[in-house]
């Protein structure tokens, strides 16, 4: 049976308005937290089935979506590495795989694509909602939403915060998506701390400029660590680097001297996994009260529950 209504897709961070973030997303995610704490699970979507299609390795995002589905009562079917363990290895295109998911009457597809723009290609042919769970070096909107939720929970606001985006900004998708969301708010300042060869791409710089976000660039985290409210660390994206690209994470990592500079009420975030190559957040600092990386993971559950509720309702 054809579906009568146009599906709601979650494809990119800039699709969300400030009004939606403040009036729907933050309150709904908080409701999901209470639901889990009080009831554990809901049967609201016991008649729904969600398909997880992951063309790249994933731990947190995949199991976070699985758990979000379970907590809402929905059933889950999927593949952990579709690039190797699906018909993709036989040459099947992404759009044909999405057509198959539609034909099999799934209610939603959570897609991690290994190419930039894969989620948009999927949405073009899909009559059911597509949720972008990361597409190449393009975007990771659900990660950005849980990051923003974590920041909001701590500061009770986003306006006028100073945020440092740190590490491999050229190849990472999480910092791109978070930058798009930060541009929705007033008075936000962004410091881009990265080696010259891993600095943020021009499209994000132009976006931030259009949205009146004050941007500064430094090559050393130490140069801005004492001035910002949020330090968002990222690993070196080795899988997206072509050829022999010089990597030096020493200046964009947390160490004792940098930690001394960071304000008591600032927070340190990281989308995980941590990198043994950049060593951007050494294990010895995990228990510092300013490190909120596992709050991010927990908030990922509530954020994705809120998003699934929106697209499945």
Protein backbone atom coordinates (compact mmCIF):
# COMPACT_ATOMS: atom_id res chain seq x y z
CA UNK A 1 0.00 0.00 0.00
CA UNK A 2 1.39 3.46 -0.87
CA UNK A 3 1.82 5.82 2.06
CA UNK A 4 -0.50 8.81 2.06
CA UNK A 5 1.73 11.30 3.82
CA UNK A 6 5.18 12.58 2.94
CA UNK A 7 7.81 11.04 5.24
CA UNK A 8 9.85 13.13 7.65
CA UNK A 9 13.54 12.64 6.91
CA UNK A 10 16.40 13.61 9.23
CA UNK A 11 19.25 14.40 6.84
CA UNK A 12 21.26 17.43 7.97
CA UNK A 13 21.68 19.62 11.02
CA UNK A 14 20.68 22.84 9.28
CA UNK A 15 17.16 21.53 8.64
CA UNK A 16 16.28 22.22 12.28
CA UNK A 17 15.15 25.65 13.42
CA UNK A 18 15.97 27.19 16.76
CA UNK A 19 12.26 27.15 17.57
CA UNK A 20 12.09 23.39 16.92
CA UNK A 21 15.18 22.75 19.03
CA UNK A 22 13.87 24.72 22.00
CA UNK A 23 10.13 23.99 21.79
CA UNK A 24 10.19 20.34 20.66
CA UNK A 25 13.57 18.64 20.77
CA UNK A 26 14.94 19.62 24.19
CA UNK A 27 11.61 19.04 26.01
CA UNK A 28 10.93 15.77 24.17
CA UNK A 29 14.40 14.39 24.91
CA UNK A 30 13.90 15.24 28.58
CA UNK A 31 10.54 13.41 28.48
CA UNK A 32 12.31 10.37 27.04
CA UNK A 33 14.82 10.47 29.89
CA UNK A 34 11.97 10.47 32.41
CA UNK A 35 10.22 7.65 30.55
CA UNK A 36 13.32 5.47 30.77
CA UNK A 37 13.92 6.34 34.42
CA UNK A 38 10.31 5.73 35.51
CA UNK A 39 8.94 3.04 33.17
CA UNK A 40 12.02 1.57 31.54
CA UNK A 41 10.25 0.84 28.26
CA UNK A 42 7.13 1.89 26.36
CA UNK A 43 4.95 -0.10 23.99
CA UNK A 44 3.93 3.00 22.03
CA UNK A 45 5.50 1.76 18.79
CA UNK A 46 5.06 -2.00 19.19
CA UNK A 47 3.55 -2.09 15.70
CA UNK A 48 6.61 -0.46 14.08
CA UNK A 49 9.79 -2.01 12.66
CA UNK A 50 12.97 -0.02 12.07
CA UNK A 51 15.69 -1.07 9.62
CA UNK A 52 19.31 -0.23 10.53
CA UNK A 53 21.59 -0.08 7.47
CA UNK A 54 25.20 0.65 8.40
CA UNK A 55 27.74 0.77 5.58
CA UNK A 56 30.55 1.78 7.96
CA UNK A 57 31.61 0.34 11.32
CA UNK A 58 29.77 1.79 14.29
CA UNK A 59 29.37 0.97 17.95
CA UNK A 60 27.71 3.86 19.78
CA UNK A 61 25.40 5.13 17.05
CA UNK A 62 24.18 1.69 16.02
CA UNK A 63 23.50 0.29 19.48
CA UNK A 64 22.13 3.64 20.63
CA UNK A 65 19.52 3.52 17.86
CA UNK A 66 18.82 -0.15 18.64
CA UNK A 67 18.25 0.64 22.29
CA UNK A 68 16.13 3.69 21.42
CA UNK A 69 13.87 1.46 19.31
CA UNK A 70 13.62 -1.14 22.07
CA UNK A 71 12.79 1.49 24.70
CA UNK A 72 9.95 2.74 22.47
CA UNK A 73 8.66 -0.78 21.88
CA UNK A 74 9.65 -0.93 18.19
CA UNK A 75 11.26 -3.95 16.57
CA UNK A 76 14.70 -3.68 14.94
CA UNK A 77 16.16 -5.43 11.90
CA UNK A 78 19.48 -4.55 10.32
CA UNK A 79 23.02 -5.22 9.28
CA UNK A 80 26.16 -4.18 11.14
CA UNK A 81 28.41 -3.75 8.10
CA UNK A 82 26.25 -3.56 5.00
CA UNK A 83 29.22 -2.85 2.77
CA UNK A 84 30.53 -6.38 3.36
CA UNK A 85 27.53 -8.35 4.56
CA UNK A 86 24.73 -7.28 2.23
CA UNK A 87 24.01 -7.30 -1.49
CA UNK A 88 26.23 -4.21 -1.75
CA UNK A 89 29.13 -6.63 -2.11
CA UNK A 90 27.36 -7.98 -5.20
CA UNK A 91 27.11 -4.49 -6.64
CA UNK A 92 23.64 -3.49 -5.47
CA UNK A 93 23.22 0.29 -5.33
CA UNK A 94 22.21 2.12 -2.18
CA UNK A 95 18.99 3.35 -3.76
CA UNK A 96 17.96 -0.20 -4.67
CA UNK A 97 18.60 -1.33 -1.11
CA UNK A 98 16.38 1.51 0.11
CA UNK A 99 13.68 0.48 -2.36
CA UNK A 100 13.89 -3.04 -0.90
CA UNK A 101 13.40 -1.65 2.61
CA UNK A 102 10.32 0.21 1.36
CA UNK A 103 8.94 -2.89 -0.34
CA UNK A 104 9.39 -4.90 2.86
CA UNK A 105 7.17 -2.42 4.72
CA UNK A 106 9.70 -1.10 7.21
CA UNK A 107 8.54 2.04 8.99
CA UNK A 108 11.91 3.82 9.04
CA UNK A 109 15.50 3.33 7.85
CA UNK A 110 18.44 4.47 9.97
CA UNK A 111 21.28 4.79 7.48
CA UNK A 112 25.03 5.18 7.87
CA UNK A 113 26.49 5.71 4.42
CA UNK A 114 30.15 5.51 3.51
CA UNK A 115 29.80 8.31 0.94
CA UNK A 116 28.98 11.99 1.35
CA UNK A 117 25.34 12.64 0.50
CA UNK A 118 24.26 9.01 0.79
CA UNK A 119 21.35 9.90 3.06
CA UNK A 120 20.04 12.40 0.50
CA UNK A 121 20.20 9.77 -2.26
CA UNK A 122 18.23 7.41 -0.06
CA UNK A 123 15.60 10.04 0.76
CA UNK A 124 15.07 10.77 -2.94
CA UNK A 125 13.61 7.29 -3.51
CA UNK A 126 12.14 6.49 -0.09
CA UNK A 127 8.50 6.68 0.93
CA UNK A 128 9.49 5.94 4.53
CA UNK A 129 11.59 8.16 6.83
CA UNK A 130 15.37 8.12 6.42
CA UNK A 131 17.50 9.07 9.42
CA UNK A 132 21.07 10.02 8.58
CA UNK A 133 23.33 8.23 11.07
CA UNK A 134 26.45 9.62 9.38
CA UNK A 135 27.30 9.97 5.70
CA UNK A 136 30.98 9.86 4.82
CA UNK A 137 32.68 13.07 5.89
CA UNK A 138 29.43 14.99 5.32
CA UNK A 139 27.20 15.17 8.38
CA UNK A 140 26.07 13.36 11.51
CA UNK A 141 22.94 15.26 12.59
CA UNK A 142 21.82 12.96 15.40
CA UNK A 143 25.25 13.21 17.02
CA UNK A 144 25.09 17.00 16.79
CA UNK A 145 21.66 17.00 18.41
CA UNK A 146 22.81 14.90 21.35
CA UNK A 147 25.89 17.12 21.68
CA UNK A 148 23.71 20.23 21.75
CA UNK A 149 21.41 18.57 24.29
CA UNK A 150 24.41 17.85 26.53
CA UNK A 151 25.56 21.46 26.31
CA UNK A 152 22.03 22.74 26.99
CA UNK A 153 21.58 20.47 30.01
CA UNK A 154 24.77 21.82 31.58
CA UNK A 155 24.42 25.54 30.86
CA UNK A 156 20.61 25.80 30.50
CA UNK A 157 21.25 27.87 27.37
CA UNK A 158 23.22 27.97 24.11
CA UNK A 159 23.24 31.73 23.51
CA UNK A 160 26.52 33.55 24.19
CA UNK A 161 28.56 30.41 24.78
CA UNK A 162 32.12 30.08 23.53
CA UNK A 163 32.83 26.70 21.93
CA UNK A 164 36.15 25.23 20.83
CA UNK A 165 35.97 22.63 18.05
CA UNK A 166 39.22 20.71 18.24
CA UNK A 167 41.20 18.18 16.21
CA UNK A 168 40.60 16.86 12.70
CA UNK A 169 38.04 19.41 11.55
CA UNK A 170 38.68 18.79 7.87
CA UNK A 171 37.57 15.16 7.76
CA UNK A 172 35.25 14.89 10.75
CA UNK A 173 31.48 15.08 10.29
CA UNK A 174 30.47 15.63 13.92
CA UNK A 175 32.07 19.08 14.16
CA UNK A 176 30.48 20.13 10.87
CA UNK A 177 27.00 19.23 12.08
CA UNK A 178 27.52 20.82 15.48
CA UNK A 179 28.73 24.03 13.83
CA UNK A 180 25.50 24.18 11.81
CA UNK A 181 23.43 23.94 15.01
CA UNK A 182 25.52 26.50 16.89
CA UNK A 183 24.81 28.96 14.09
CA UNK A 184 21.13 28.97 15.12
CA UNK A 185 21.85 30.80 18.38
CA UNK A 186 22.81 34.35 19.32
CA UNK A 187 26.19 35.53 20.50
CA UNK A 188 27.91 32.18 20.04
CA UNK A 189 31.67 32.27 19.44
CA UNK A 190 33.58 29.37 17.89
CA UNK A 191 37.30 28.70 18.15
CA UNK A 192 38.64 26.23 15.58
CA UNK A 193 41.70 24.52 17.06
CA UNK A 194 43.42 22.33 14.49
CA UNK A 195 46.65 21.84 12.57
CA UNK A 196 46.65 23.89 9.36
CA UNK A 197 46.22 20.79 7.20
CA UNK A 198 43.18 19.65 9.21
CA UNK A 199 41.32 22.96 9.58
CA UNK A 200 37.60 23.37 8.93
CA UNK A 201 36.45 23.53 5.31
CA UNK A 202 35.34 26.80 3.77
CA UNK A 203 31.65 25.89 3.50
CA UNK A 204 31.31 25.81 7.29
CA UNK A 205 33.31 29.01 7.69
CA UNK A 206 31.00 30.75 5.20
CA UNK A 207 27.92 29.41 6.99
CA UNK A 208 29.13 30.67 10.37
CA UNK A 209 29.95 34.06 8.89
CA UNK A 210 26.46 34.34 7.35
CA UNK A 211 24.96 33.57 10.75
CA UNK A 212 27.08 36.17 12.55
CA UNK A 213 29.09 33.64 14.54
CA UNK A 214 32.44 35.04 15.60
CA UNK A 215 35.14 32.57 14.49
CA UNK A 216 38.80 32.37 15.44
CA UNK A 217 41.45 29.86 14.38
CA UNK A 218 44.34 28.55 16.44
CA UNK A 219 46.78 25.70 15.93
CA UNK A 220 47.07 24.94 19.65
CA UNK A 221 44.20 24.12 22.00
CA UNK A 222 46.16 25.79 24.80
CA UNK A 223 45.66 29.14 23.06
CA UNK A 224 41.89 29.12 23.67
CA UNK A 225 41.30 26.50 26.39
CA UNK A 226 41.01 29.06 29.18
CA UNK A 227 38.52 31.25 27.32
CA UNK A 228 35.84 28.79 26.18
CA UNK A 229 32.85 27.16 27.85
CA UNK A 230 32.86 23.99 25.75
CA UNK A 231 35.82 22.02 24.43
CA UNK A 232 34.69 19.56 21.75
CA UNK A 233 37.51 17.14 20.97
CA UNK A 234 37.70 14.87 17.94
CA UNK A 235 40.00 12.09 16.80
CA UNK A 236 42.07 11.89 13.64
CA UNK A 237 39.82 10.51 10.89
CA UNK A 238 42.42 8.07 9.53
CA UNK A 239 39.88 6.21 7.39
CA UNK A 240 39.10 9.38 5.40
CA UNK A 241 42.65 10.52 4.79
CA UNK A 242 44.14 10.01 1.35
CA UNK A 243 47.81 9.16 1.02
CA UNK A 244 50.29 9.94 3.75
CA UNK A 245 48.85 12.88 5.63
CA UNK A 246 50.97 14.26 8.43
CA UNK A 247 49.29 13.89 11.80
CA UNK A 248 50.35 15.61 14.98
CA UNK A 249 47.80 15.63 17.75
CA UNK A 250 50.08 16.96 20.45
CA UNK A 251 48.81 20.53 20.17
CA UNK A 252 45.12 19.59 20.00
CA UNK A 253 45.00 17.20 22.94
CA UNK A 254 44.26 17.49 26.63
CA UNK A 255 47.29 17.38 28.90
CA UNK A 256 47.97 18.59 32.42
CA UNK A 257 48.92 22.11 31.35
CA UNK A 258 45.84 22.51 29.14
CA UNK A 259 43.59 21.11 31.87
CA UNK A 260 44.87 23.73 34.30
CA UNK A 261 43.70 26.47 31.93
CA UNK A 262 40.14 25.15 31.53
CA UNK A 263 37.50 26.95 33.64
CA UNK A 264 35.87 25.00 36.51
CA UNK A 265 32.40 25.18 34.93
CA UNK A 266 33.50 24.42 31.38
CA UNK A 267 32.76 21.03 29.85
CA UNK A 268 34.88 18.70 27.74
CA UNK A 269 33.06 16.66 25.11
CA UNK A 270 34.08 13.98 22.61
CA UNK A 271 31.86 11.99 20.19
CA UNK A 272 34.01 8.87 20.72
CA UNK A 273 35.84 6.68 19.96
CA UNK A 274 38.98 8.20 21.37
CA UNK A 275 42.09 7.87 19.22
CA UNK A 276 45.36 6.26 20.27
CA UNK A 277 47.00 8.22 17.46
CA UNK A 278 45.95 11.74 18.43
CA UNK A 279 45.55 10.71 22.10
CA UNK A 280 43.31 13.76 22.33
CA UNK A 281 41.69 12.78 25.64
CA UNK A 282 43.93 10.41 27.61
CA UNK A 283 42.26 7.88 29.89
CA UNK A 284 43.78 9.47 33.00
CA UNK A 285 41.49 12.49 32.59
CA UNK A 286 38.23 10.56 32.17
CA UNK A 287 37.07 11.11 35.75
CA UNK A 288 37.67 14.87 35.73
CA UNK A 289 34.36 16.56 36.62
CA UNK A 290 34.52 18.64 33.45
CA UNK A 291 34.59 15.57 31.19
CA UNK A 292 31.04 14.71 30.06
CA UNK A 293 31.68 12.14 27.34
CA UNK A 294 29.47 9.46 28.85
CA UNK A 295 26.69 11.98 29.50
CA UNK A 296 26.80 12.45 25.73
CA UNK A 297 26.36 8.71 25.21
CA UNK A 298 23.39 8.62 27.59
CA UNK A 299 21.84 11.68 25.97
CA UNK A 300 22.24 9.95 22.62
CA UNK A 301 19.63 7.44 23.75
CA UNK A 302 17.11 10.12 24.72
CA UNK A 303 17.81 12.24 21.63
CA UNK A 304 17.31 9.31 19.28
CA UNK A 305 14.17 8.21 21.10
CA UNK A 306 12.77 11.72 20.58
CA UNK A 307 13.68 11.66 16.88
CA UNK A 308 12.24 8.19 16.32
CA UNK A 309 9.03 9.23 18.05
CA UNK A 310 8.79 12.20 15.68
CA UNK A 311 9.28 10.21 12.47
CA UNK A 312 7.24 7.16 13.52
CA UNK A 313 4.22 9.07 14.85
